[in-house]
Every structure is written in C-alpha cells, then in structure tokens.
Amino acid sequence: MINTEIFKLKQTDADYSDKIAKAAEVIKSGGLVVFPTETVYGLGADATNPEAARKIFAAKGRPSDNPLIIHISSPEEAEGYAYTGDVYYQLAETFMPGPLTVIMDSKDTVPLATRGGLETVAVRCPENKIAHDLILAAGKPVAAPSANLSGTPSATSAQHVIDDMMGRVDVIIDGGDSEFGIESTIVKIDADATVTLLRPGKITVDELSSVCGSVKIADAVTNKLREGERALSPGMKYRHYAPTAPLVLLDGEVDAAISYIKKQGKQRAAIIAYEDEVEIISRALGNSDCYAFGKRNDEIAQARILFALLRKIDKKNYDIIYAPLPSLRGVGLALYNRMIRAAAHNVVKL
C-alpha cells in the first residue's frame, strides 16, 4: 500500500509551480502520478523506464501486452522516440496539442515494456495545461493509460481516480472534471503512409480525412478482435470500459425498447436514455431508475458524461443496465466503440 498524496490544483494557485515540480520529481524517480488531460485522467510514469512502466500495469491490473501511450510536451519531441514523417507532421500541425494519438515505428529509446512488446509506439501531445506542464517539468515522455482499474469505466474526475487508485499511486493531481470524457482518437501510420483508425475519439474520421486523405477504419473499431489477433493500441480488448452489471445495448426505437424491457420480467434494471425519452420510458415501465444521457443528437454531451454515468449506476448494484446503441456518425463512432466494449458486444436488434 502506497501513501498517496492528493494535489488539488488550479493554474491560479500560488503553489502551482511547486506542486507540478514535486509531481515531476516523482515521475523522474520512477513513481506514479495521476494527472488530468482533456480526455480522461492518465496514470503517468517515466516512459523510458521499464520498471516504471511495469508499475503502471501492476497498479491498473492491466495485461502487460496492452501498449501504453507516451505523452510529450510538443509534437517535435516525437523525433526522439518514433520514426516520424510527413503524414505525422500534417496531423500534428492540425490536431496537436489535442486528443490525437499517433502510432509509428518505435526507436529503441522506448522500452518494450512501455510498448507492450510491439515494434511501434503510440505518441500523444495533450493540450491540458496541467498535463503539459507536468511532462515539461519531468523532462521526459510520460507513459499514461487511463487512471482506472483495468476493464472498468475510465476516470473523468479526481473522485473516480481516488475510488480506483488510492494506495496504488504516489500522487493524484485533482485538476477538475475532464473536458471531453472519452479517450483520444488513435491512428496508425504505416510504412506506405496509409492512415488507419484504431480507436475513435473526439477527432472524427471526416476531420482526419480532410488532412491526410483516405483513412481506413480497423475492423476492431466496431467488432471483436479476431481469435489470436494482437491489440495494436489501447482499448481494443474484448471487454473494456465496463460496469460490473451486464450492459445491454438496444438497437431500435424507444417503443420497441420499452416493449423488449417489459418482456424481460422482474429484474432491477437501470435504463440509460436520451433526455427527451426519459419521462416516456419511466412512465411506461413504472421505473424511476432511468438516467438521462444527453440529447439524442448531442454526441459531445453524451461523451462527456458516459463514463461518469456508468460509474454512478454501478454503485447502485443493478442486475442489468440497458442503453441505446449509438450511431456510427462523427463522434457517435467513439461512443459506439466504447459502449459495445462495455457491453461485451451484447447488442439486441429490436
């Protein structure tokens, strides 16, 4: 058990720089620091230190073949850790700093333990000020998966981190709630400059295509990994981001969803629904355990609350959770990707 320190931090605090420096020293010495980003909270360690990387896997209970993203303070720093090229810099100029991770062939400066045994490395330059200043003060890339226990919904607030990581890490930086709430978009650049989407996020396929032309979408974005297929990026495992109770995604209109849930008999069910359908569902089912998920077409708002909502519901020990299946358009693809994994691909076509 580690004696975890909590730093509640705002940029206007008089001791802001002192706390950043103290957290950076923990990183330099091989320790673990949880820090906010614009997407979700990250569990950070020195990306160049294999023992520090192993501490991340141990703290999360994460399989060691699941690669870590290394976070840098400027796009140009990627030169020290990856074989970049024109496509990388085209993407970086448009989307960095920001919620984009780029996978490229790795240099030997990144240990295999950080890369999950792969020949590639995932690089991201976050725009969150606390994250940026921490990486800059550490003077080295910071490996950081989401700061949650492996498989559970990602942490988008300091309280989520405290629930999962207290006693497992050296420092937790409380920087407030995450701005977006879903992990970064991940793309892979191949030797022939082909760009493949491995994990959708706030930066959409259309936005990527406007910069680098055609973008392939990996089959694992919407489907299960094939038998024996290696995860090339975080978030590609079969069940991920998941609450304890089984999650079932309902693909159909609200009337059909109500009819389906009625037929399931007596069970203590939580129902996630779009704002304008909460009252209709609650009245029809006599179920007050119906949770608003933002407006139907507001995927940005849905993304911001998804993981927090799953965590909130999880604390009430329901038998089952029902939710609508998101669309595949825009940011909806990111929601779809997270929710089918949280549901272990349990989708009911109505």
Protein backbone atom coordinates (compact mmCIF):
# COMPACT_ATOMS: atom_id res chain seq x y z
CA MET A 1 0.00 0.00 0.00
CA ILE A 2 1.39 3.38 -1.09
CA ASN A 3 0.81 6.57 0.89
CA THR A 4 -0.93 8.55 -1.86
CA GLU A 5 -0.75 12.36 -1.82
CA ILE A 6 -3.56 14.39 -3.42
CA PHE A 7 -2.74 17.74 -5.02
CA LYS A 8 -5.84 19.84 -5.72
CA LEU A 9 -4.51 22.12 -8.43
CA LYS A 10 -5.56 25.21 -10.37
CA GLN A 11 -3.31 27.29 -12.61
CA THR A 12 -4.04 30.36 -10.47
CA ASP A 13 -2.79 28.69 -7.26
CA ALA A 14 0.26 30.36 -5.70
CA ASP A 15 1.92 26.96 -5.24
CA TYR A 16 1.01 25.66 -8.72
CA SER A 17 4.61 25.50 -9.97
CA ASP A 18 5.84 23.94 -6.72
CA LYS A 19 3.27 21.12 -6.90
CA ILE A 20 3.99 20.49 -10.59
CA ALA A 21 7.71 20.30 -9.77
CA LYS A 22 7.06 17.89 -6.89
CA ALA A 23 4.92 15.64 -9.09
CA ALA A 24 7.57 15.76 -11.82
CA GLU A 25 10.20 14.59 -9.32
CA VAL A 26 8.02 11.57 -8.57
CA ILE A 27 7.95 10.77 -12.30
CA LYS A 28 11.74 11.20 -12.56
CA SER A 29 12.31 8.86 -9.60
CA GLY A 30 10.23 6.07 -11.14
CA GLY A 31 6.97 6.74 -9.28
CA LEU A 32 3.35 7.01 -10.42
CA VAL A 33 1.42 10.27 -10.82
CA VAL A 34 -2.22 10.54 -11.88
CA PHE A 35 -2.93 13.72 -13.83
CA PRO A 36 -5.83 15.28 -15.74
CA THR A 37 -5.99 15.54 -19.51
CA GLU A 38 -8.66 16.96 -21.82
CA THR A 39 -9.91 13.41 -22.48
CA VAL A 40 -9.71 11.32 -19.28
CA TYR A 41 -7.34 11.15 -16.31
CA GLY A 42 -3.99 9.48 -17.03
CA LEU A 43 -1.86 7.20 -14.83
CA GLY A 44 1.62 8.50 -15.55
CA ALA A 45 5.18 7.21 -15.23
CA ASP A 46 8.54 7.70 -16.96
CA ALA A 47 8.04 6.16 -20.42
CA THR A 48 11.77 5.48 -20.76
CA ASN A 49 11.94 3.47 -17.52
CA PRO A 50 10.78 -0.16 -17.97
CA GLU A 51 10.36 -0.68 -14.23
CA ALA A 52 8.12 2.40 -14.02
CA ALA A 53 6.05 1.06 -16.92
CA ARG A 54 5.62 -2.24 -15.08
CA LYS A 55 4.34 -0.29 -12.05
CA ILE A 56 1.57 1.12 -14.27
CA PHE A 57 0.47 -2.36 -15.31
CA ALA A 58 0.52 -3.52 -11.69
CA ALA A 59 -1.46 -0.50 -10.40
CA LYS A 60 -4.16 -0.98 -13.04
CA GLY A 61 -4.18 -4.78 -13.02
CA ARG A 62 -3.58 -4.43 -16.77
CA PRO A 63 -2.15 -7.15 -19.03
CA SER A 64 1.45 -6.31 -19.98
CA ASP A 65 0.77 -6.90 -23.70
CA ASN A 66 -1.57 -3.88 -23.81
CA PRO A 67 0.62 -0.99 -25.10
CA LEU A 68 0.92 2.35 -23.31
CA ILE A 69 0.66 5.79 -24.90
CA ILE A 70 3.63 8.09 -24.35
CA HIS A 71 2.78 11.75 -23.74
CA ILE A 72 5.09 14.52 -24.92
CA SER A 73 5.07 18.29 -24.36
CA SER A 74 5.45 19.26 -28.05
CA PRO A 75 4.89 17.37 -31.33
CA GLU A 76 8.57 17.72 -32.29
CA GLU A 77 9.63 15.63 -29.28
CA ALA A 78 8.31 12.57 -31.10
CA GLU A 79 11.57 12.59 -33.08
CA GLY A 80 13.39 11.15 -30.08
CA TYR A 81 11.08 8.15 -29.75
CA ALA A 82 9.47 7.36 -33.12
CA TYR A 83 10.26 7.34 -36.84
CA THR A 84 8.06 10.23 -37.94
CA GLY A 85 7.35 11.53 -41.45
CA ASP A 86 5.29 13.97 -43.47
CA VAL A 87 1.95 12.45 -42.52
CA TYR A 88 2.73 12.70 -38.81
CA TYR A 89 3.55 16.38 -39.14
CA GLN A 90 0.44 17.04 -41.23
CA LEU A 91 -1.65 15.53 -38.44
CA ALA A 92 0.36 17.27 -35.72
CA GLU A 93 0.02 20.68 -37.32
CA THR A 94 -3.77 20.37 -37.30
CA PHE A 95 -4.55 18.37 -34.17
CA MET A 96 -1.68 18.76 -31.69
CA PRO A 97 -1.70 19.62 -28.91
CA GLY A 98 -5.01 17.80 -28.67
CA PRO A 99 -6.85 14.49 -28.30
CA LEU A 100 -4.96 12.61 -31.03
CA THR A 101 -2.58 9.66 -30.58
CA VAL A 102 -0.38 8.58 -33.50
CA ILE A 103 1.20 5.13 -33.71
CA MET A 104 4.51 4.88 -35.60
CA ASP A 105 7.54 2.61 -35.71
CA SER A 106 9.41 2.97 -32.43
CA LYS A 107 13.01 3.86 -31.73
CA ASP A 108 14.98 1.92 -29.12
CA THR A 109 14.61 4.84 -26.71
CA VAL A 110 11.20 3.45 -25.76
CA PRO A 111 11.46 0.18 -23.81
CA LEU A 112 9.49 -2.87 -24.94
CA ALA A 113 7.75 -2.84 -21.55
CA THR A 114 6.20 0.53 -22.41
CA ARG A 115 5.27 -0.61 -25.93
CA GLY A 116 3.58 -3.81 -24.78
CA GLY A 117 6.17 -5.81 -26.72
CA LEU A 118 5.31 -4.17 -30.04
CA GLU A 119 7.67 -2.63 -32.61
CA THR A 120 5.54 0.52 -32.64
CA VAL A 121 4.95 3.34 -30.16
CA ALA A 122 1.85 5.46 -29.55
CA VAL A 123 2.56 9.19 -29.19
CA ARG A 124 0.27 11.94 -27.92
CA CYS A 125 0.71 15.63 -27.10
CA PRO A 126 -2.08 16.66 -24.70
CA GLU A 127 -3.50 20.18 -24.63
CA ASN A 128 -4.48 20.18 -20.94
CA LYS A 129 -2.26 22.76 -19.22
CA ILE A 130 -1.54 20.65 -16.12
CA ALA A 131 -0.61 17.64 -18.25
CA HIS A 132 1.62 19.78 -20.47
CA ASP A 133 3.43 21.41 -17.56
CA LEU A 134 3.95 18.08 -15.78
CA ILE A 135 5.52 16.48 -18.87
CA LEU A 136 7.68 19.55 -19.47
CA ALA A 137 8.89 19.59 -15.85
CA ALA A 138 9.63 15.86 -15.92
CA GLY A 139 11.85 16.40 -18.96
CA LYS A 140 10.92 13.05 -20.47
CA PRO A 141 7.89 11.39 -22.09
CA VAL A 142 5.22 10.22 -19.68
CA ALA A 143 3.57 6.86 -20.34
CA ALA A 144 -0.05 7.11 -19.29
CA PRO A 145 -3.05 4.87 -19.82
CA SER A 146 -6.39 5.89 -18.30
CA ALA A 147 -6.24 6.08 -14.50
CA ASN A 148 -8.74 3.34 -13.68
CA LEU A 149 -8.64 -0.32 -12.78
CA SER A 150 -8.29 -2.36 -15.96
CA GLY A 151 -11.58 -3.04 -17.73
CA THR A 152 -13.67 -0.56 -15.72
CA PRO A 153 -15.06 2.78 -16.98
CA SER A 154 -12.31 5.35 -17.42
CA ALA A 155 -11.83 8.09 -14.82
CA THR A 156 -13.08 11.56 -15.76
CA SER A 157 -12.89 13.16 -12.30
CA ALA A 158 -10.49 13.10 -9.38
CA GLN A 159 -13.06 11.21 -7.30
CA HIS A 160 -13.13 8.41 -9.87
CA VAL A 161 -9.34 8.21 -9.57
CA ILE A 162 -9.46 8.21 -5.78
CA ASP A 163 -12.02 5.38 -5.87
CA ASP A 164 -9.71 3.24 -8.04
CA MET A 165 -6.15 4.35 -7.37
CA MET A 166 -5.84 5.47 -3.74
CA GLY A 167 -2.99 3.49 -2.22
CA ARG A 168 -1.78 2.34 -5.64
CA VAL A 169 -0.01 5.52 -6.81
CA ASP A 170 2.25 8.16 -5.31
CA VAL A 171 0.39 11.32 -6.32
CA ILE A 172 -3.08 12.17 -7.62
CA ILE A 173 -3.41 15.62 -9.20
CA ASP A 174 -7.02 16.83 -8.93
CA GLY A 175 -7.47 19.17 -11.88
CA GLY A 176 -11.27 19.07 -12.08
CA ASP A 177 -13.52 17.17 -14.46
CA SER A 178 -12.31 16.09 -17.89
CA GLU A 179 -13.39 18.35 -20.73
CA PHE A 180 -14.27 15.68 -23.31
CA GLY A 181 -14.66 12.47 -21.29
CA ILE A 182 -13.59 9.84 -23.83
CA GLU A 183 -10.05 8.79 -24.65
CA SER A 184 -8.09 10.19 -27.58
CA THR A 185 -8.52 9.21 -31.21
CA ILE A 186 -5.78 6.72 -32.18
CA VAL A 187 -4.43 6.34 -35.71
CA LYS A 188 -1.58 4.23 -37.06
CA ILE A 189 0.71 5.41 -39.87
CA ASP A 190 2.06 2.52 -41.93
CA ALA A 191 5.26 2.45 -43.99
CA ASP A 192 3.33 3.37 -47.16
CA ALA A 193 1.84 6.42 -45.33
CA THR A 194 -1.59 4.77 -45.05
CA VAL A 195 -3.53 6.05 -42.03
CA THR A 196 -5.72 3.56 -40.14
CA LEU A 197 -8.13 4.49 -37.35
CA LEU A 198 -7.67 2.10 -34.42
CA ARG A 199 -9.72 3.92 -31.78
CA PRO A 200 -12.23 6.71 -32.49
CA GLY A 201 -12.45 9.79 -30.29
CA LYS A 202 -13.27 13.49 -30.49
CA ILE A 203 -11.28 13.90 -33.73
CA THR A 204 -13.52 12.23 -36.30
CA VAL A 205 -12.82 10.25 -39.47
CA ASP A 206 -14.00 13.18 -41.60
CA GLU A 207 -11.64 15.57 -39.82
CA LEU A 208 -8.72 13.18 -40.26
CA SER A 209 -9.56 12.64 -43.93
CA SER A 210 -9.56 16.37 -44.57
CA VAL A 211 -5.87 16.44 -43.57
CA CYS A 212 -4.37 13.18 -44.82
CA GLY A 213 -6.80 11.86 -47.42
CA SER A 214 -8.41 8.45 -47.16
CA VAL A 215 -8.49 6.91 -43.68
CA LYS A 216 -9.06 3.19 -43.20
CA ILE A 217 -11.13 2.07 -40.22
CA ALA A 218 -9.81 -1.03 -38.46
CA ASP A 219 -12.36 -3.83 -38.16
CA ALA A 220 -11.78 -3.92 -34.38
CA VAL A 221 -13.25 -0.40 -34.05
CA THR A 222 -16.76 -1.84 -34.35
CA ASN A 223 -16.18 -5.59 -33.98
CA LYS A 224 -14.43 -8.02 -31.66
CA LEU A 225 -10.74 -8.73 -32.06
CA ARG A 226 -10.34 -11.91 -34.08
CA GLU A 227 -9.04 -15.04 -32.35
CA GLY A 228 -5.31 -14.63 -31.78
CA GLU A 229 -5.27 -11.03 -33.07
CA ARG A 230 -2.88 -8.73 -31.19
CA ALA A 231 -4.14 -5.42 -29.79
CA LEU A 232 -2.22 -2.69 -31.65
CA SER A 233 -3.50 0.10 -29.41
CA PRO A 234 -5.17 0.60 -26.03
CA GLY A 235 -8.91 -0.05 -25.89
CA MET A 236 -9.03 -2.87 -28.45
CA LYS A 237 -9.60 -5.67 -25.95
CA TYR A 238 -12.89 -7.57 -25.95
CA ARG A 239 -14.47 -6.22 -22.73
CA HIS A 240 -13.34 -2.78 -21.71
CA TYR A 241 -14.75 0.37 -20.04
CA ALA A 242 -17.30 -1.92 -18.38
CA PRO A 243 -19.54 -1.55 -15.32
CA THR A 244 -19.96 -4.55 -13.03
CA ALA A 245 -23.59 -5.14 -14.04
CA PRO A 246 -24.16 -6.53 -17.56
CA LEU A 247 -24.78 -3.79 -20.11
CA VAL A 248 -27.19 -4.49 -22.98
CA LEU A 249 -27.40 -2.13 -25.96
CA LEU A 250 -30.79 -1.80 -27.63
CA ASP A 251 -30.80 -1.08 -31.36
CA GLY A 252 -34.19 0.36 -32.21
CA GLU A 253 -36.82 3.00 -31.47
CA VAL A 254 -37.96 3.86 -27.96
CA ASP A 255 -41.31 2.00 -28.23
CA ALA A 256 -39.54 -1.20 -29.25
CA ALA A 257 -37.05 -0.76 -26.39
CA ILE A 258 -39.86 -0.35 -23.88
CA SER A 259 -41.58 -3.49 -25.20
CA TYR A 260 -38.35 -5.51 -25.01
CA ILE A 261 -37.56 -4.44 -21.43
CA LYS A 262 -41.13 -5.29 -20.33
CA LYS A 263 -40.74 -8.82 -21.63
CA GLN A 264 -37.60 -9.42 -19.55
CA GLY A 265 -39.65 -9.84 -16.39
CA LYS A 266 -38.73 -8.75 -12.91
CA GLN A 267 -35.18 -7.51 -12.64
CA ARG A 268 -33.62 -4.49 -11.01
CA ALA A 269 -32.72 -2.57 -14.15
CA ALA A 270 -31.07 0.77 -14.80
CA ILE A 271 -32.04 2.39 -18.08
CA ILE A 272 -29.85 4.93 -19.87
CA ALA A 273 -31.94 7.06 -22.21
CA TYR A 274 -31.82 10.25 -24.23
CA GLU A 275 -33.16 13.30 -22.38
CA ASP A 276 -36.41 13.58 -24.34
CA GLU A 277 -37.21 9.89 -23.78
CA VAL A 278 -36.57 9.58 -20.03
CA GLU A 279 -40.11 10.56 -18.98
CA ILE A 280 -41.71 8.35 -21.66
CA ILE A 281 -39.70 5.29 -20.57
CA SER A 282 -40.15 5.92 -16.84
CA ARG A 283 -43.91 6.23 -17.20
CA ALA A 284 -44.28 3.22 -19.50
CA LEU A 285 -42.20 0.91 -17.33
CA GLY A 286 -43.00 2.33 -13.91
CA ASN A 287 -39.24 2.52 -13.47
CA SER A 288 -37.72 5.57 -11.82
CA ASP A 289 -34.18 4.26 -12.37
CA CYS A 290 -33.89 5.96 -15.73
CA TYR A 291 -30.81 8.09 -16.36
CA ALA A 292 -30.54 10.97 -18.84
CA PHE A 293 -27.75 10.61 -21.41
CA GLY A 294 -27.91 13.99 -23.14
CA LYS A 295 -29.98 14.83 -26.21
CA ARG A 296 -30.21 12.23 -28.98
CA ASN A 297 -28.03 14.14 -31.46
CA ASP A 298 -25.61 15.71 -28.96
CA GLU A 299 -22.80 13.15 -29.02
CA ILE A 300 -20.34 15.60 -27.45
CA ALA A 301 -22.54 15.92 -24.35
CA GLN A 302 -23.04 12.14 -24.25
CA ALA A 303 -19.29 11.53 -24.43
CA ARG A 304 -18.66 13.96 -21.59
CA ILE A 305 -20.89 12.04 -19.16
CA LEU A 306 -20.70 8.41 -20.39
CA PHE A 307 -18.05 7.03 -18.02
CA ALA A 308 -19.23 9.11 -15.05
CA LEU A 309 -22.77 7.82 -15.63
CA LEU A 310 -21.65 4.18 -15.82
CA ARG A 311 -19.72 4.62 -12.57
CA LYS A 312 -22.70 6.28 -10.85
CA ILE A 313 -25.02 3.49 -11.93
CA ASP A 314 -22.51 0.82 -10.92
CA LYS A 315 -22.60 1.96 -7.28
CA LYS A 316 -26.30 1.04 -7.05
CA ASN A 317 -25.80 -2.68 -7.76
CA TYR A 318 -28.36 -3.16 -10.52
CA ASP A 319 -28.97 -6.58 -12.06
CA ILE A 320 -28.69 -5.20 -15.58
CA ILE A 321 -28.21 -1.92 -17.47
CA TYR A 322 -29.95 -1.04 -20.75
CA ALA A 323 -28.75 1.71 -23.08
CA PRO A 324 -29.37 2.84 -26.67
CA LEU A 325 -26.93 1.79 -29.38
CA PRO A 326 -25.13 4.95 -30.64
CA SER A 327 -24.86 5.89 -34.28
CA LEU A 328 -21.69 5.46 -36.34
CA ARG A 329 -21.59 9.11 -37.43
CA GLY A 330 -19.00 11.63 -36.24
CA VAL A 331 -18.30 11.41 -32.50
CA GLY A 332 -21.06 8.78 -32.38
CA LEU A 333 -18.47 6.28 -33.63
CA ALA A 334 -16.41 6.88 -30.46
CA LEU A 335 -19.46 6.32 -28.28
CA TYR A 336 -20.34 3.19 -30.25
CA ASN A 337 -16.80 1.85 -29.84
CA ARG A 338 -16.74 2.39 -26.05
CA MET A 339 -20.26 1.13 -25.44
CA ILE A 340 -20.04 -2.10 -27.45
CA ARG A 341 -16.90 -2.96 -25.49
CA ALA A 342 -18.53 -2.03 -22.19
CA ALA A 343 -21.39 -4.33 -23.22
CA ALA A 344 -19.03 -7.10 -24.41
CA HIS A 345 -20.79 -6.71 -27.80
CA ASN A 346 -24.19 -7.64 -26.30
CA VAL A 347 -26.46 -5.83 -28.78
CA VAL A 348 -30.17 -6.60 -29.21
CA LYS A 349 -31.65 -5.74 -32.59
CA LEU A 350 -35.23 -4.62 -31.98
